[in-house]
Amino acid sequence: MNKEAKISQAQRLFDAAFAEETYRDQRSDAYKRGVLDALRFKTGEGPSPKATRPYELGTAECDAWFSGLNEGYSRGKHA
């Protein structure tokens, strides 16, 4: 089995979204985690992100994570 075959569908979608050649604005680690958490959920590779929320409500990290979830859910619609 080659290396690419071991990478999950969610991880491939995430890598494509944040590849250097996309020339997008920098995002925080919390935002990126939200994107990946949502992609894992949408592809059936992980639990509901809101059930496993990693940040305390009302914090900047949680706000960024929720924003990342929105992007991840959007990208995951076509997965």
Protein backbone atom coordinates (compact mmCIF):
# COMPACT_ATOMS: atom_id res chain seq x y z
CA MET A 1 0.00 0.00 0.00
CA ASN A 2 1.46 3.35 -0.96
CA LYS A 3 1.63 6.36 1.37
CA GLU A 4 -1.25 8.22 -0.31
CA ALA A 5 -3.58 5.26 0.16
CA LYS A 6 -3.09 5.56 3.94
CA ILE A 7 -4.18 9.21 4.06
CA SER A 8 -7.85 9.63 4.91
CA GLN A 9 -10.28 11.38 2.62
CA ALA A 10 -10.74 14.11 5.24
CA GLN A 11 -6.98 14.68 5.44
CA ARG A 12 -6.70 14.89 1.64
CA LEU A 13 -9.46 17.52 1.52
CA PHE A 14 -7.81 19.44 4.36
CA ASP A 15 -4.38 19.32 2.71
CA ALA A 16 -5.85 20.62 -0.55
CA ALA A 17 -7.60 23.48 1.27
CA PHE A 18 -4.42 24.63 2.99
CA ALA A 19 -1.81 23.83 0.36
CA GLU A 20 0.77 26.57 -0.20
CA GLU A 21 -0.35 27.05 -3.79
CA THR A 22 -3.84 28.11 -2.64
CA TYR A 23 -2.48 31.54 -1.62
CA ARG A 24 -5.02 31.94 1.15
CA ASP A 25 -4.77 34.05 4.28
CA GLN A 26 -3.11 32.43 7.28
CA ARG A 27 -5.45 30.68 9.71
CA SER A 28 -4.97 29.81 13.38
CA ASP A 29 -4.43 26.27 14.59
CA ALA A 30 -7.89 26.35 16.21
CA TYR A 31 -9.48 27.31 12.87
CA LYS A 32 -7.63 24.55 11.05
CA ARG A 33 -8.63 22.03 13.69
CA GLY A 34 -12.26 23.02 13.16
CA VAL A 35 -11.95 22.46 9.42
CA LEU A 36 -10.39 19.03 9.90
CA ASP A 37 -12.87 18.03 12.64
CA ALA A 38 -15.80 18.90 10.36
CA LEU A 39 -14.27 17.10 7.40
CA ARG A 40 -13.71 13.98 9.49
CA PHE A 41 -17.35 14.08 10.58
CA LYS A 42 -18.71 14.69 7.08
CA THR A 43 -16.66 11.82 5.62
CA GLY A 44 -17.69 9.43 8.40
CA GLU A 45 -14.19 9.33 9.88
CA GLY A 46 -14.94 11.01 13.20
CA PRO A 47 -17.59 11.96 15.76
CA SER A 48 -19.75 15.05 15.72
CA PRO A 49 -17.38 17.93 16.43
CA LYS A 50 -19.87 19.76 18.61
CA ALA A 51 -20.08 16.73 20.91
CA THR A 52 -16.31 16.79 21.39
CA ARG A 53 -15.75 20.57 21.39
CA PRO A 54 -12.06 21.05 22.30
CA TYR A 55 -12.27 24.68 23.47
CA GLU A 56 -14.20 26.52 26.16
CA LEU A 57 -17.17 28.52 24.90
CA GLY A 58 -16.57 32.26 24.82
CA THR A 59 -12.87 32.03 24.02
CA ALA A 60 -11.18 33.27 20.87
CA GLU A 61 -9.99 29.73 20.16
CA CYS A 62 -13.54 28.40 20.31
CA ASP A 63 -14.76 31.17 18.00
CA ALA A 64 -12.00 30.32 15.52
CA TRP A 65 -12.79 26.61 15.80
CA PHE A 66 -16.50 27.23 15.08
CA SER A 67 -15.52 29.30 12.03
CA GLY A 68 -13.31 26.45 10.87
CA LEU A 69 -16.23 24.04 11.31
CA ASN A 70 -18.26 26.18 8.92
CA GLU A 71 -15.59 25.91 6.25
CA GLY A 72 -15.14 22.20 6.88
CA TYR A 73 -18.87 21.51 6.61
CA SER A 74 -18.99 23.45 3.38
CA ARG A 75 -16.03 21.58 1.91
CA GLY A 76 -17.41 18.29 3.18
CA LYS A 77 -20.71 18.67 1.30
CA HIS A 78 -18.97 17.45 -1.83
CA ALA A 79 -16.99 14.65 -0.17
